[in-house]
């Protein structure tokens, strides 16, 4: 995939220039408060799971109340015999995938962290998304579900689940509530950015890799692969739908608007040959970020970003900020 976005010197100062909804803060304050109220004081349930090859890790099958009090699945991995309380990493997942199996998620527990792997409603097998989707028929995956109205958009529910995951892990007796990190790549990176903003000072740091859900309009115009083309397909199929109405809905879920509200230190990453999340969409969020921020640039990487090398960068970066076990 050739480099088709802006040169790096322009990316470093690139801004989206997208106006945010006037009621953005009120919309999300009401949304999060309603979810916490719907939980009705309920707490997460943790069921021990015996897994092969995991003699050094304790694994729990988790259910916690998310959007509307609906149950959300997760895995909790704890390093066996570690001194508590532990710093925790809350991990959000890529587009179209669920929490998978515990064996897929061993890095953070091996490094000594409590690790909560949050299922994505409707995308994995373990967390349904029972809410109806009113309005025009959607296309593809999840981008256009409920696109007619931010009240009904899919990402309102999923992002709320992500905030509730932070609430839940801070209550676990093995976790230090002042050292909770949110993390993810692609969709998970966009969700980590949203959670860092919406959960406020309960988040100690954010790891935001090649984030999706940022600067939707540019993503729809540039991305050759992945979810953003769903928007172009939707608008191409429904020619009487006003594109401005679509992007006005998406403004409520755009990382560009979450970024100025996120104060925790953040480590971003970008692949300059990414055909899924064009680098300018990543930099648009990074450059708007309120807290201390750093970017790791992988010059010849596609959407895989820095891979394990980025993970090494993240562990060092967390240690430098006093967030190591």
Protein backbone atom coordinates (compact mmCIF):
# COMPACT_ATOMS: atom_id res chain seq x y z
CA UNK A 1 0.00 0.00 0.00
CA UNK A 2 1.65 3.27 -1.08
CA UNK A 3 1.73 6.39 1.04
CA UNK A 4 -1.37 8.31 -0.15
CA UNK A 5 -2.15 10.68 2.73
CA UNK A 6 -0.44 13.91 3.75
CA UNK A 7 3.34 14.17 4.26
CA UNK A 8 4.49 13.65 7.83
CA UNK A 9 5.39 17.30 8.41
CA UNK A 10 1.80 18.27 7.53
CA UNK A 11 0.31 15.44 9.58
CA UNK A 12 2.05 16.72 12.70
CA UNK A 13 -0.04 19.88 12.60
CA UNK A 14 -3.16 18.56 10.88
CA UNK A 15 -6.53 19.56 12.41
CA UNK A 16 -9.94 18.26 11.43
CA UNK A 17 -11.77 21.57 11.73
CA UNK A 18 -15.02 19.69 12.34
CA UNK A 19 -17.50 21.60 14.53
CA UNK A 20 -18.75 19.62 17.50
CA UNK A 21 -22.42 19.38 18.45
CA UNK A 22 -23.51 22.14 20.83
CA UNK A 23 -25.02 19.57 23.18
CA UNK A 24 -22.12 17.09 23.01
CA UNK A 25 -21.33 17.25 26.73
CA UNK A 26 -24.97 17.13 27.80
CA UNK A 27 -25.63 14.19 25.46
CA UNK A 28 -22.84 12.13 26.95
CA UNK A 29 -23.37 13.18 30.56
CA UNK A 30 -26.98 12.05 30.32
CA UNK A 31 -26.03 8.85 28.51
CA UNK A 32 -23.43 7.77 31.07
CA UNK A 33 -25.59 8.75 34.04
CA UNK A 34 -28.50 6.75 32.65
CA UNK A 35 -26.32 3.66 32.23
CA UNK A 36 -24.98 3.92 35.75
CA UNK A 37 -28.51 4.34 37.03
CA UNK A 38 -29.76 1.38 34.99
CA UNK A 39 -27.12 -0.79 36.65
CA UNK A 40 -29.23 -0.34 39.80
CA UNK A 41 -26.29 -0.80 42.11
CA UNK A 42 -25.52 -4.12 40.45
CA UNK A 43 -21.95 -5.30 40.41
CA UNK A 44 -19.95 -7.51 38.09
CA UNK A 45 -20.05 -11.28 38.40
CA UNK A 46 -16.76 -13.20 38.21
CA UNK A 47 -16.73 -16.93 37.47
CA UNK A 48 -13.34 -18.70 37.69
CA UNK A 49 -12.35 -20.47 34.49
CA UNK A 50 -9.80 -23.27 34.21
CA UNK A 51 -7.74 -22.86 31.07
CA UNK A 52 -4.89 -25.04 29.79
CA UNK A 53 -1.39 -23.57 29.81
CA UNK A 54 -2.38 -20.83 32.23
CA UNK A 55 -0.63 -21.95 35.40
CA UNK A 56 0.63 -18.42 36.04
CA UNK A 57 -2.68 -16.63 35.39
CA UNK A 58 -6.08 -16.68 37.06
CA UNK A 59 -8.92 -16.28 34.56
CA UNK A 60 -12.47 -15.14 35.26
CA UNK A 61 -15.48 -15.08 32.96
CA UNK A 62 -17.06 -11.68 33.71
CA UNK A 63 -20.53 -10.21 33.26
CA UNK A 64 -21.16 -6.58 34.15
CA UNK A 65 -24.09 -4.17 33.54
CA UNK A 66 -23.46 -1.87 30.58
CA UNK A 67 -25.80 0.20 28.43
CA UNK A 68 -29.34 0.01 29.81
CA UNK A 69 -28.12 -2.39 32.48
CA UNK A 70 -27.66 -5.04 29.78
CA UNK A 71 -25.02 -7.70 30.54
CA UNK A 72 -21.62 -7.27 28.88
CA UNK A 73 -19.09 -10.10 28.77
CA UNK A 74 -15.39 -9.76 29.51
CA UNK A 75 -12.36 -11.77 30.55
CA UNK A 76 -10.41 -10.81 33.63
CA UNK A 77 -6.85 -12.14 33.77
CA UNK A 78 -4.89 -11.74 37.00
CA UNK A 79 -1.21 -12.72 37.43
CA UNK A 80 -1.27 -15.57 39.92
CA UNK A 81 0.44 -14.74 43.20
CA UNK A 82 1.08 -11.08 42.35
CA UNK A 83 1.17 -8.48 45.08
CA UNK A 84 -2.03 -6.47 45.17
CA UNK A 85 -3.43 -3.94 44.48
CA UNK A 86 -2.51 -4.16 40.81
CA UNK A 87 -2.55 -1.60 38.02
CA UNK A 88 -5.16 -2.61 35.45
CA UNK A 89 -5.47 -2.44 31.68
CA UNK A 90 -8.98 -2.30 30.24
CA UNK A 91 -8.74 -3.46 26.64
CA UNK A 92 -11.23 -2.72 23.87
CA UNK A 93 -11.30 -4.71 20.66
CA UNK A 94 -11.12 -4.32 16.90
CA UNK A 95 -14.05 -4.05 14.51
CA UNK A 96 -16.12 -7.17 13.99
CA UNK A 97 -14.45 -9.25 16.71
CA UNK A 98 -15.29 -10.26 20.25
CA UNK A 99 -13.27 -11.15 23.32
CA UNK A 100 -12.18 -14.50 21.84
CA UNK A 101 -10.39 -16.86 24.21
CA UNK A 102 -8.20 -16.02 27.24
CA UNK A 103 -5.13 -17.54 25.56
CA UNK A 104 -5.23 -14.69 23.04
CA UNK A 105 -4.70 -12.08 25.76
CA UNK A 106 -1.66 -12.95 27.85
CA UNK A 107 0.72 -10.01 27.43
CA UNK A 108 -0.55 -7.67 30.14
CA UNK A 109 -1.08 -10.34 32.80
CA UNK A 110 2.40 -11.68 32.00
CA UNK A 111 3.70 -8.16 32.62
CA UNK A 112 1.94 -8.13 36.00
CA UNK A 113 -1.24 -6.18 35.22
CA UNK A 114 -4.84 -7.04 35.92
CA UNK A 115 -6.31 -7.24 32.43
CA UNK A 116 -9.99 -6.79 31.59
CA UNK A 117 -10.79 -7.72 27.97
CA UNK A 118 -14.17 -6.22 27.09
CA UNK A 119 -16.44 -7.90 24.56
CA UNK A 120 -17.99 -5.68 21.88
CA UNK A 121 -21.77 -5.94 21.90
CA UNK A 122 -23.17 -7.54 18.79
CA UNK A 123 -19.71 -8.21 17.38
CA UNK A 124 -18.57 -11.13 19.51
CA UNK A 125 -20.52 -14.24 20.48
CA UNK A 126 -21.05 -13.44 24.15
CA UNK A 127 -22.66 -9.97 24.30
CA UNK A 128 -25.82 -9.45 22.25
CA UNK A 129 -27.03 -6.05 21.11
CA UNK A 130 -30.79 -6.38 21.57
CA UNK A 131 -31.71 -2.75 20.89
CA UNK A 132 -33.76 -2.10 17.75
CA UNK A 133 -32.29 -0.01 14.97
CA UNK A 134 -34.92 2.45 13.69
CA UNK A 135 -34.69 4.43 10.47
CA UNK A 136 -33.14 3.73 7.11
CA UNK A 137 -31.73 0.27 6.54
CA UNK A 138 -28.05 0.08 7.38
CA UNK A 139 -25.32 -1.51 5.28
CA UNK A 140 -22.26 -3.57 6.15
CA UNK A 141 -21.35 -3.87 9.80
CA UNK A 142 -22.01 -1.36 12.56
CA UNK A 143 -21.09 2.09 11.22
CA UNK A 144 -24.55 2.92 9.91
CA UNK A 145 -26.74 1.25 12.53
CA UNK A 146 -29.05 3.94 13.83
CA UNK A 147 -27.32 6.55 11.66
CA UNK A 148 -30.49 8.68 11.47
CA UNK A 149 -30.28 9.79 15.11
CA UNK A 150 -27.44 9.88 17.67
CA UNK A 151 -29.90 8.64 20.31
CA UNK A 152 -30.13 5.33 18.44
CA UNK A 153 -26.66 4.97 16.97
CA UNK A 154 -24.82 1.72 17.69
CA UNK A 155 -21.72 3.42 19.08
CA UNK A 156 -23.72 5.17 21.76
CA UNK A 157 -24.36 1.77 23.30
CA UNK A 158 -20.87 0.36 22.75
CA UNK A 159 -19.04 3.44 24.07
CA UNK A 160 -21.25 3.43 27.14
CA UNK A 161 -20.28 -0.21 27.78
CA UNK A 162 -16.64 0.89 27.62
CA UNK A 163 -17.12 3.53 30.31
CA UNK A 164 -18.95 1.07 32.51
CA UNK A 165 -16.00 -1.33 32.17
CA UNK A 166 -13.76 1.32 33.77
CA UNK A 167 -16.29 1.75 36.57
CA UNK A 168 -16.36 -1.98 37.19
CA UNK A 169 -12.63 -2.71 37.22
CA UNK A 170 -12.01 0.11 39.70
CA UNK A 171 -14.27 -1.72 42.17
CA UNK A 172 -12.37 -5.02 41.98
CA UNK A 173 -10.48 -5.77 45.21
CA UNK A 174 -7.32 -6.80 43.34
CA UNK A 175 -7.08 -3.49 41.45
CA UNK A 176 -5.61 -0.13 42.37
CA UNK A 177 -8.44 2.24 41.28
CA UNK A 178 -5.96 5.07 40.71
CA UNK A 179 -3.94 3.09 38.12
CA UNK A 180 -6.47 2.06 35.48
CA UNK A 181 -5.28 2.25 31.85
CA UNK A 182 -7.57 2.07 28.81
CA UNK A 183 -6.16 0.50 25.67
CA UNK A 184 -7.02 -0.72 22.21
CA UNK A 185 -6.14 -0.79 18.54
CA UNK A 186 -8.25 0.26 15.55
CA UNK A 187 -11.86 0.26 16.81
CA UNK A 188 -10.41 -0.48 20.23
CA UNK A 189 -8.20 2.60 19.96
CA UNK A 190 -11.19 4.79 19.19
CA UNK A 191 -13.07 3.26 22.10
CA UNK A 192 -10.11 3.85 24.43
CA UNK A 193 -10.09 7.49 23.38
CA UNK A 194 -13.82 7.79 24.11
CA UNK A 195 -13.45 6.08 27.47
CA UNK A 196 -10.54 8.33 28.44
CA UNK A 197 -12.78 11.34 27.83
CA UNK A 198 -16.02 10.03 29.30
CA UNK A 199 -14.54 8.35 32.39
CA UNK A 200 -12.50 11.47 33.16
CA UNK A 201 -9.94 11.40 35.94
CA UNK A 202 -10.72 7.77 36.80
CA UNK A 203 -8.43 6.87 33.85
CA UNK A 204 -4.70 7.08 34.57
CA UNK A 205 -3.45 6.64 30.98
CA UNK A 206 -4.58 5.72 27.48
CA UNK A 207 -2.91 3.51 24.86
CA UNK A 208 -4.43 4.49 21.51
CA UNK A 209 -3.15 2.42 18.59
CA UNK A 210 -4.03 3.20 14.95
CA UNK A 211 -7.45 4.45 16.11
CA UNK A 212 -10.63 4.07 14.13
CA UNK A 213 -13.73 6.24 14.87
CA UNK A 214 -11.84 9.49 14.29
CA UNK A 215 -12.58 12.18 11.66
CA UNK A 216 -15.29 10.11 9.97
CA UNK A 217 -15.74 12.32 6.92
CA UNK A 218 -12.07 12.13 5.94
CA UNK A 219 -12.05 8.41 6.67
CA UNK A 220 -15.02 7.94 4.33
CA UNK A 221 -13.25 9.98 1.63
CA UNK A 222 -9.81 8.34 1.86
CA UNK A 223 -9.95 4.83 3.32
CA UNK A 224 -9.55 2.08 0.75
CA UNK A 225 -10.31 -0.79 3.12
CA UNK A 226 -12.10 -1.47 6.38
CA UNK A 227 -15.22 0.04 7.94
CA UNK A 228 -15.07 3.66 6.72
CA UNK A 229 -16.13 2.65 3.17
CA UNK A 230 -19.43 1.48 4.70
CA UNK A 231 -20.33 5.17 4.99
CA UNK A 232 -19.62 5.82 1.33
CA UNK A 233 -21.59 2.71 0.37
CA UNK A 234 -24.52 3.78 2.54
CA UNK A 235 -24.64 7.27 1.07
CA UNK A 236 -24.18 5.91 -2.43
CA UNK A 237 -27.07 3.51 -1.96
CA UNK A 238 -29.41 5.94 -0.20
CA UNK A 239 -29.01 8.93 -2.48
CA UNK A 240 -31.83 10.92 -0.91
CA UNK A 241 -30.18 10.79 2.51
CA UNK A 242 -28.48 14.07 3.33
CA UNK A 243 -24.77 13.39 3.96
CA UNK A 244 -24.68 16.27 6.43
CA UNK A 245 -27.30 14.53 8.54
CA UNK A 246 -25.17 11.37 8.60
CA UNK A 247 -22.00 13.19 9.62
CA UNK A 248 -23.91 15.24 12.19
CA UNK A 249 -24.91 11.99 13.89
CA UNK A 250 -21.34 10.71 13.74
CA UNK A 251 -20.02 13.93 15.31
CA UNK A 252 -21.32 12.65 18.66
CA UNK A 253 -19.02 9.62 18.39
CA UNK A 254 -15.92 11.15 16.83
CA UNK A 255 -12.57 10.80 18.55
CA UNK A 256 -11.75 14.31 17.35
CA UNK A 257 -14.37 15.58 19.80
CA UNK A 258 -13.50 13.20 22.62
CA UNK A 259 -9.80 14.10 22.43
CA UNK A 260 -10.08 17.65 23.88
CA UNK A 261 -11.93 16.17 26.86
CA UNK A 262 -9.36 13.49 27.71
CA UNK A 263 -6.77 14.59 30.27
CA UNK A 264 -4.89 11.36 31.03
CA UNK A 265 -1.47 10.97 29.40
CA UNK A 266 -1.76 9.08 26.14
CA UNK A 267 0.50 7.12 23.83
CA UNK A 268 -0.77 7.00 20.23
CA UNK A 269 0.56 5.07 17.27
CA UNK A 270 0.10 5.43 13.53
CA UNK A 271 1.06 3.48 10.42
CA UNK A 272 1.85 5.85 7.56
CA UNK A 273 0.75 3.30 4.95
CA UNK A 274 -2.53 2.44 6.70
CA UNK A 275 -5.37 1.97 4.14
CA UNK A 276 -7.98 1.39 6.89
CA UNK A 277 -7.42 4.37 9.20
CA UNK A 278 -5.67 7.03 7.10
CA UNK A 279 -2.88 8.74 9.08
CA UNK A 280 -4.61 12.12 8.92
CA UNK A 281 -7.59 10.70 10.81
CA UNK A 282 -5.25 9.47 13.55
CA UNK A 283 -3.37 12.76 13.76
CA UNK A 284 -6.63 14.71 13.83
CA UNK A 285 -7.43 13.06 17.17
CA UNK A 286 -3.86 13.13 18.46
CA UNK A 287 -3.38 16.83 17.71
CA UNK A 288 -6.65 17.69 19.48
CA UNK A 289 -5.83 15.67 22.60
CA UNK A 290 -5.94 17.69 25.83
CA UNK A 291 -3.60 15.64 28.03
CA UNK A 292 0.08 14.92 27.58
CA UNK A 293 0.46 12.91 24.40
CA UNK A 294 3.09 11.14 22.37
CA UNK A 295 2.95 9.51 18.96
CA UNK A 296 4.90 6.48 17.78
CA UNK A 297 5.22 6.61 14.01
CA UNK A 298 5.65 3.41 12.01
CA UNK A 299 6.70 4.72 8.61
CA UNK A 300 6.21 1.63 6.46
CA UNK A 301 3.42 -0.01 8.44
CA UNK A 302 -0.13 -0.67 7.33
CA UNK A 303 -3.05 -1.06 9.76
CA UNK A 304 -1.05 -3.54 11.82
CA UNK A 305 0.96 -0.58 13.08
CA UNK A 306 3.96 -1.42 15.19
CA UNK A 307 2.74 -4.85 16.32
CA UNK A 308 4.80 -6.34 19.13
CA UNK A 309 7.30 -3.49 18.85
CA UNK A 310 4.51 -1.08 19.78
CA UNK A 311 3.59 -3.30 22.72
CA UNK A 312 7.17 -3.03 23.98
CA UNK A 313 6.95 0.74 23.60
CA UNK A 314 3.73 0.76 25.61
CA UNK A 315 5.13 -1.25 28.51
CA UNK A 316 8.17 1.01 28.76
CA UNK A 317 5.98 4.11 28.52
CA UNK A 318 3.69 2.90 31.31
CA UNK A 319 6.68 2.10 33.52
CA UNK A 320 8.09 5.58 32.96
CA UNK A 321 4.82 7.00 34.32
CA UNK A 322 4.72 4.91 37.45
CA UNK A 323 2.05 2.58 36.09
CA UNK A 324 4.09 -0.61 36.08
CA UNK A 325 3.23 -3.37 38.59
